[in-house]
Amino acid sequence: MKLLKNIVLSLFIAASTIGFSSIASAAAIDDVFSKIAEAEKAFDDGAAPADIISIIRDAARKAKDVPAGDNVDTKRQRASGFLKKSRLAVKKGKMDDAKAHLQEAKKRFTVVKGLL
């Protein structure tokens, strides 16, 4: 009976940990999507390049919080690369390129979200 209690308790703890990590993953990726949407709105509103760069940097920082395995981490890094390209394009004044890179980052983070 004592062995059965230990097994049941272990399974319960494992199941609750798995459930919590998937919730944290979804929250982290949703934060990235909200920052990307905020950057898109800033582009449309004609915000200052420094403000747009700041928003894109926040999105890249939040992307690092996405828990990942090997495959997910690789895809997350590639998606983050497009955030970096977007930020650099804004810095150079190429707003159309920056918007295109931001859209590509959004597509790639959608793929990452599907893997979680």
C-alpha atoms as a PDB file:
ATOM      1  CA  MET A   1       0.000   0.000   0.000  1.00  0.00           C
ATOM      2  CA  LYS A   2       2.835   2.377   0.840  1.00  0.00           C
ATOM      3  CA  LEU A   3       4.471   1.642  -2.528  1.00  0.00           C
ATOM      4  CA  LEU A   4       1.201   2.384  -4.314  1.00  0.00           C
ATOM      5  CA  LYS A   5       0.925   5.754  -2.533  1.00  0.00           C
ATOM      6  CA  ASN A   6       4.463   6.656  -3.605  1.00  0.00           C
ATOM      7  CA  ILE A   7       3.746   5.742  -7.224  1.00  0.00           C
ATOM      8  CA  VAL A   8       0.499   7.709  -7.319  1.00  0.00           C
ATOM      9  CA  LEU A   9       2.133  10.728  -5.686  1.00  0.00           C
ATOM     10  CA  SER A  10       5.034  10.611  -8.170  1.00  0.00           C
ATOM     11  CA  LEU A  11       2.667  10.428 -11.124  1.00  0.00           C
ATOM     12  CA  PHE A  12       0.618  13.325  -9.777  1.00  0.00           C
ATOM     13  CA  ILE A  13       3.688  15.513  -9.341  1.00  0.00           C
ATOM     14  CA  ALA A  14       4.950  14.641 -12.833  1.00  0.00           C
ATOM     15  CA  ALA A  15       1.578  15.404 -14.420  1.00  0.00           C
ATOM     16  CA  SER A  16       1.236  18.743 -12.647  1.00  0.00           C
ATOM     17  CA  THR A  17       4.755  19.774 -13.665  1.00  0.00           C
ATOM     18  CA  ILE A  18       4.080  18.976 -17.317  1.00  0.00           C
ATOM     19  CA  GLY A  19       0.846  20.939 -17.246  1.00  0.00           C
ATOM     20  CA  PHE A  20       2.506  23.956 -15.670  1.00  0.00           C
ATOM     21  CA  SER A  21       5.371  24.047 -18.170  1.00  0.00           C
ATOM     22  CA  SER A  22       3.011  23.998 -21.154  1.00  0.00           C
ATOM     23  CA  ILE A  23       1.056  26.905 -19.676  1.00  0.00           C
ATOM     24  CA  ALA A  24       4.277  28.846 -19.151  1.00  0.00           C
ATOM     25  CA  SER A  25       5.320  28.094 -22.742  1.00  0.00           C
ATOM     26  CA  ALA A  26       2.051  29.391 -24.130  1.00  0.00           C
ATOM     27  CA  ALA A  27       2.279  32.552 -22.029  1.00  0.00           C
ATOM     28  CA  ALA A  28       5.850  33.244 -23.143  1.00  0.00           C
ATOM     29  CA  ILE A  29       5.088  32.835 -26.851  1.00  0.00           C
ATOM     30  CA  ASP A  30       1.946  34.964 -26.479  1.00  0.00           C
ATOM     31  CA  ASP A  31       4.102  37.739 -24.999  1.00  0.00           C
ATOM     32  CA  VAL A  32       6.287  37.608 -28.114  1.00  0.00           C
ATOM     33  CA  PHE A  33       3.233  37.836 -30.381  1.00  0.00           C
ATOM     34  CA  SER A  34       1.906  40.817 -28.425  1.00  0.00           C
ATOM     35  CA  LYS A  35       5.228  42.659 -28.822  1.00  0.00           C
ATOM     36  CA  ILE A  36       5.297  41.893 -32.554  1.00  0.00           C
ATOM     37  CA  ALA A  37       1.751  43.258 -32.862  1.00  0.00           C
ATOM     38  CA  GLU A  38       2.815  46.339 -30.913  1.00  0.00           C
ATOM     39  CA  ALA A  39       5.742  46.859 -33.300  1.00  0.00           C
ATOM     40  CA  GLU A  40       3.438  46.513 -36.318  1.00  0.00           C
ATOM     41  CA  LYS A  41       1.115  49.121 -34.820  1.00  0.00           C
ATOM     42  CA  ALA A  42       4.090  51.408 -34.202  1.00  0.00           C
ATOM     43  CA  PHE A  43       5.083  51.060 -37.872  1.00  0.00           C
ATOM     44  CA  ASP A  44       1.558  51.937 -38.978  1.00  0.00           C
ATOM     45  CA  ASP A  45       1.345  54.914 -36.602  1.00  0.00           C
ATOM     46  CA  GLY A  46       4.675  56.271 -37.840  1.00  0.00           C
ATOM     47  CA  ALA A  47       6.426  56.048 -34.480  1.00  0.00           C
ATOM     48  CA  ALA A  48      10.026  57.108 -34.055  1.00  0.00           C
ATOM     49  CA  PRO A  49      12.628  54.521 -35.107  1.00  0.00           C
ATOM     50  CA  ALA A  50      14.068  54.442 -31.575  1.00  0.00           C
ATOM     51  CA  ASP A  51      10.663  53.443 -30.191  1.00  0.00           C
ATOM     52  CA  ILE A  52      10.230  50.711 -32.785  1.00  0.00           C
ATOM     53  CA  ILE A  53      13.711  49.366 -32.087  1.00  0.00           C
ATOM     54  CA  SER A  54      12.915  49.263 -28.375  1.00  0.00           C
ATOM     55  CA  ILE A  55       9.731  47.263 -28.988  1.00  0.00           C
ATOM     56  CA  ILE A  56      11.528  44.785 -31.252  1.00  0.00           C
ATOM     57  CA  ARG A  57      14.274  44.362 -28.624  1.00  0.00           C
ATOM     58  CA  ASP A  58      11.601  43.596 -26.024  1.00  0.00           C
ATOM     59  CA  ALA A  59      10.147  40.960 -28.345  1.00  0.00           C
ATOM     60  CA  ALA A  60      13.594  39.378 -28.760  1.00  0.00           C
ATOM     61  CA  ARG A  61      14.099  39.333 -24.981  1.00  0.00           C
ATOM     62  CA  LYS A  62      10.737  37.695 -24.444  1.00  0.00           C
ATOM     63  CA  ALA A  63      11.555  35.130 -27.120  1.00  0.00           C
ATOM     64  CA  LYS A  64      14.441  33.951 -24.962  1.00  0.00           C
ATOM     65  CA  ASP A  65      11.919  33.010 -22.254  1.00  0.00           C
ATOM     66  CA  VAL A  66      10.278  30.409 -24.485  1.00  0.00           C
ATOM     67  CA  PRO A  67      11.274  27.035 -23.014  1.00  0.00           C
ATOM     68  CA  ALA A  68      12.529  24.732 -25.695  1.00  0.00           C
ATOM     69  CA  GLY A  69      13.986  21.422 -26.685  1.00  0.00           C
ATOM     70  CA  ASP A  70      16.546  21.011 -29.449  1.00  0.00           C
ATOM     71  CA  ASN A  71      14.167  21.355 -32.415  1.00  0.00           C
ATOM     72  CA  VAL A  72      12.097  24.133 -30.872  1.00  0.00           C
ATOM     73  CA  ASP A  73      15.220  26.034 -29.822  1.00  0.00           C
ATOM     74  CA  THR A  74      16.608  25.960 -33.364  1.00  0.00           C
ATOM     75  CA  LYS A  75      13.361  27.289 -34.827  1.00  0.00           C
ATOM     76  CA  ARG A  76      13.115  29.935 -32.093  1.00  0.00           C
ATOM     77  CA  GLN A  77      16.633  31.154 -32.833  1.00  0.00           C
ATOM     78  CA  ARG A  78      15.882  31.431 -36.537  1.00  0.00           C
ATOM     79  CA  ALA A  79      12.688  33.360 -35.826  1.00  0.00           C
ATOM     80  CA  SER A  80      14.628  35.633 -33.482  1.00  0.00           C
ATOM     81  CA  GLY A  81      17.080  36.211 -36.312  1.00  0.00           C
ATOM     82  CA  PHE A  82      14.292  37.869 -38.286  1.00  0.00           C
ATOM     83  CA  LEU A  83      13.558  40.118 -35.326  1.00  0.00           C
ATOM     84  CA  LYS A  84      17.202  41.151 -35.423  1.00  0.00           C
ATOM     85  CA  LYS A  85      17.043  41.759 -39.176  1.00  0.00           C
ATOM     86  CA  SER A  86      13.950  43.890 -38.651  1.00  0.00           C
ATOM     87  CA  ARG A  87      15.663  45.911 -35.936  1.00  0.00           C
ATOM     88  CA  LEU A  88      18.738  46.488 -38.101  1.00  0.00           C
ATOM     89  CA  ALA A  89      16.571  47.525 -41.060  1.00  0.00           C
ATOM     90  CA  VAL A  90      14.823  50.108 -38.880  1.00  0.00           C
ATOM     91  CA  LYS A  91      18.217  51.379 -37.755  1.00  0.00           C
ATOM     92  CA  LYS A  92      19.227  51.825 -41.417  1.00  0.00           C
ATOM     93  CA  GLY A  93      15.923  53.545 -42.244  1.00  0.00           C
ATOM     94  CA  LYS A  94      14.582  50.735 -44.474  1.00  0.00           C
ATOM     95  CA  MET A  95      11.080  50.549 -43.033  1.00  0.00           C
ATOM     96  CA  ASP A  96       9.617  48.365 -45.794  1.00  0.00           C
ATOM     97  CA  ASP A  97      12.312  45.746 -45.270  1.00  0.00           C
ATOM     98  CA  ALA A  98      11.803  45.970 -41.514  1.00  0.00           C
ATOM     99  CA  LYS A  99       8.073  45.293 -41.876  1.00  0.00           C
ATOM    100  CA  ALA A 100       8.768  42.313 -44.136  1.00  0.00           C
ATOM    101  CA  HIS A 101      11.248  40.837 -41.656  1.00  0.00           C
ATOM    102  CA  LEU A 102       8.779  41.375 -38.826  1.00  0.00           C
ATOM    103  CA  GLN A 103       6.087  39.513 -40.779  1.00  0.00           C
ATOM    104  CA  GLU A 104       8.502  36.641 -41.412  1.00  0.00           C
ATOM    105  CA  ALA A 105       9.357  36.522 -37.688  1.00  0.00           C
ATOM    106  CA  LYS A 106       5.654  36.332 -36.902  1.00  0.00           C
ATOM    107  CA  LYS A 107       5.225  33.389 -39.291  1.00  0.00           C
ATOM    108  CA  ARG A 108       8.197  31.577 -37.811  1.00  0.00           C
ATOM    109  CA  PHE A 109       7.041  32.105 -34.234  1.00  0.00           C
ATOM    110  CA  THR A 110       3.688  30.629 -35.272  1.00  0.00           C
ATOM    111  CA  VAL A 111       5.596  27.488 -36.268  1.00  0.00           C
ATOM    112  CA  VAL A 112       7.403  27.523 -32.898  1.00  0.00           C
ATOM    113  CA  LYS A 113       4.063  27.819 -31.089  1.00  0.00           C
ATOM    114  CA  GLY A 114       2.829  24.758 -32.985  1.00  0.00           C
ATOM    115  CA  LEU A 115       5.800  22.757 -31.720  1.00  0.00           C
ATOM    116  CA  LEU A 116       5.149  23.554 -28.056  1.00  0.00           C
END
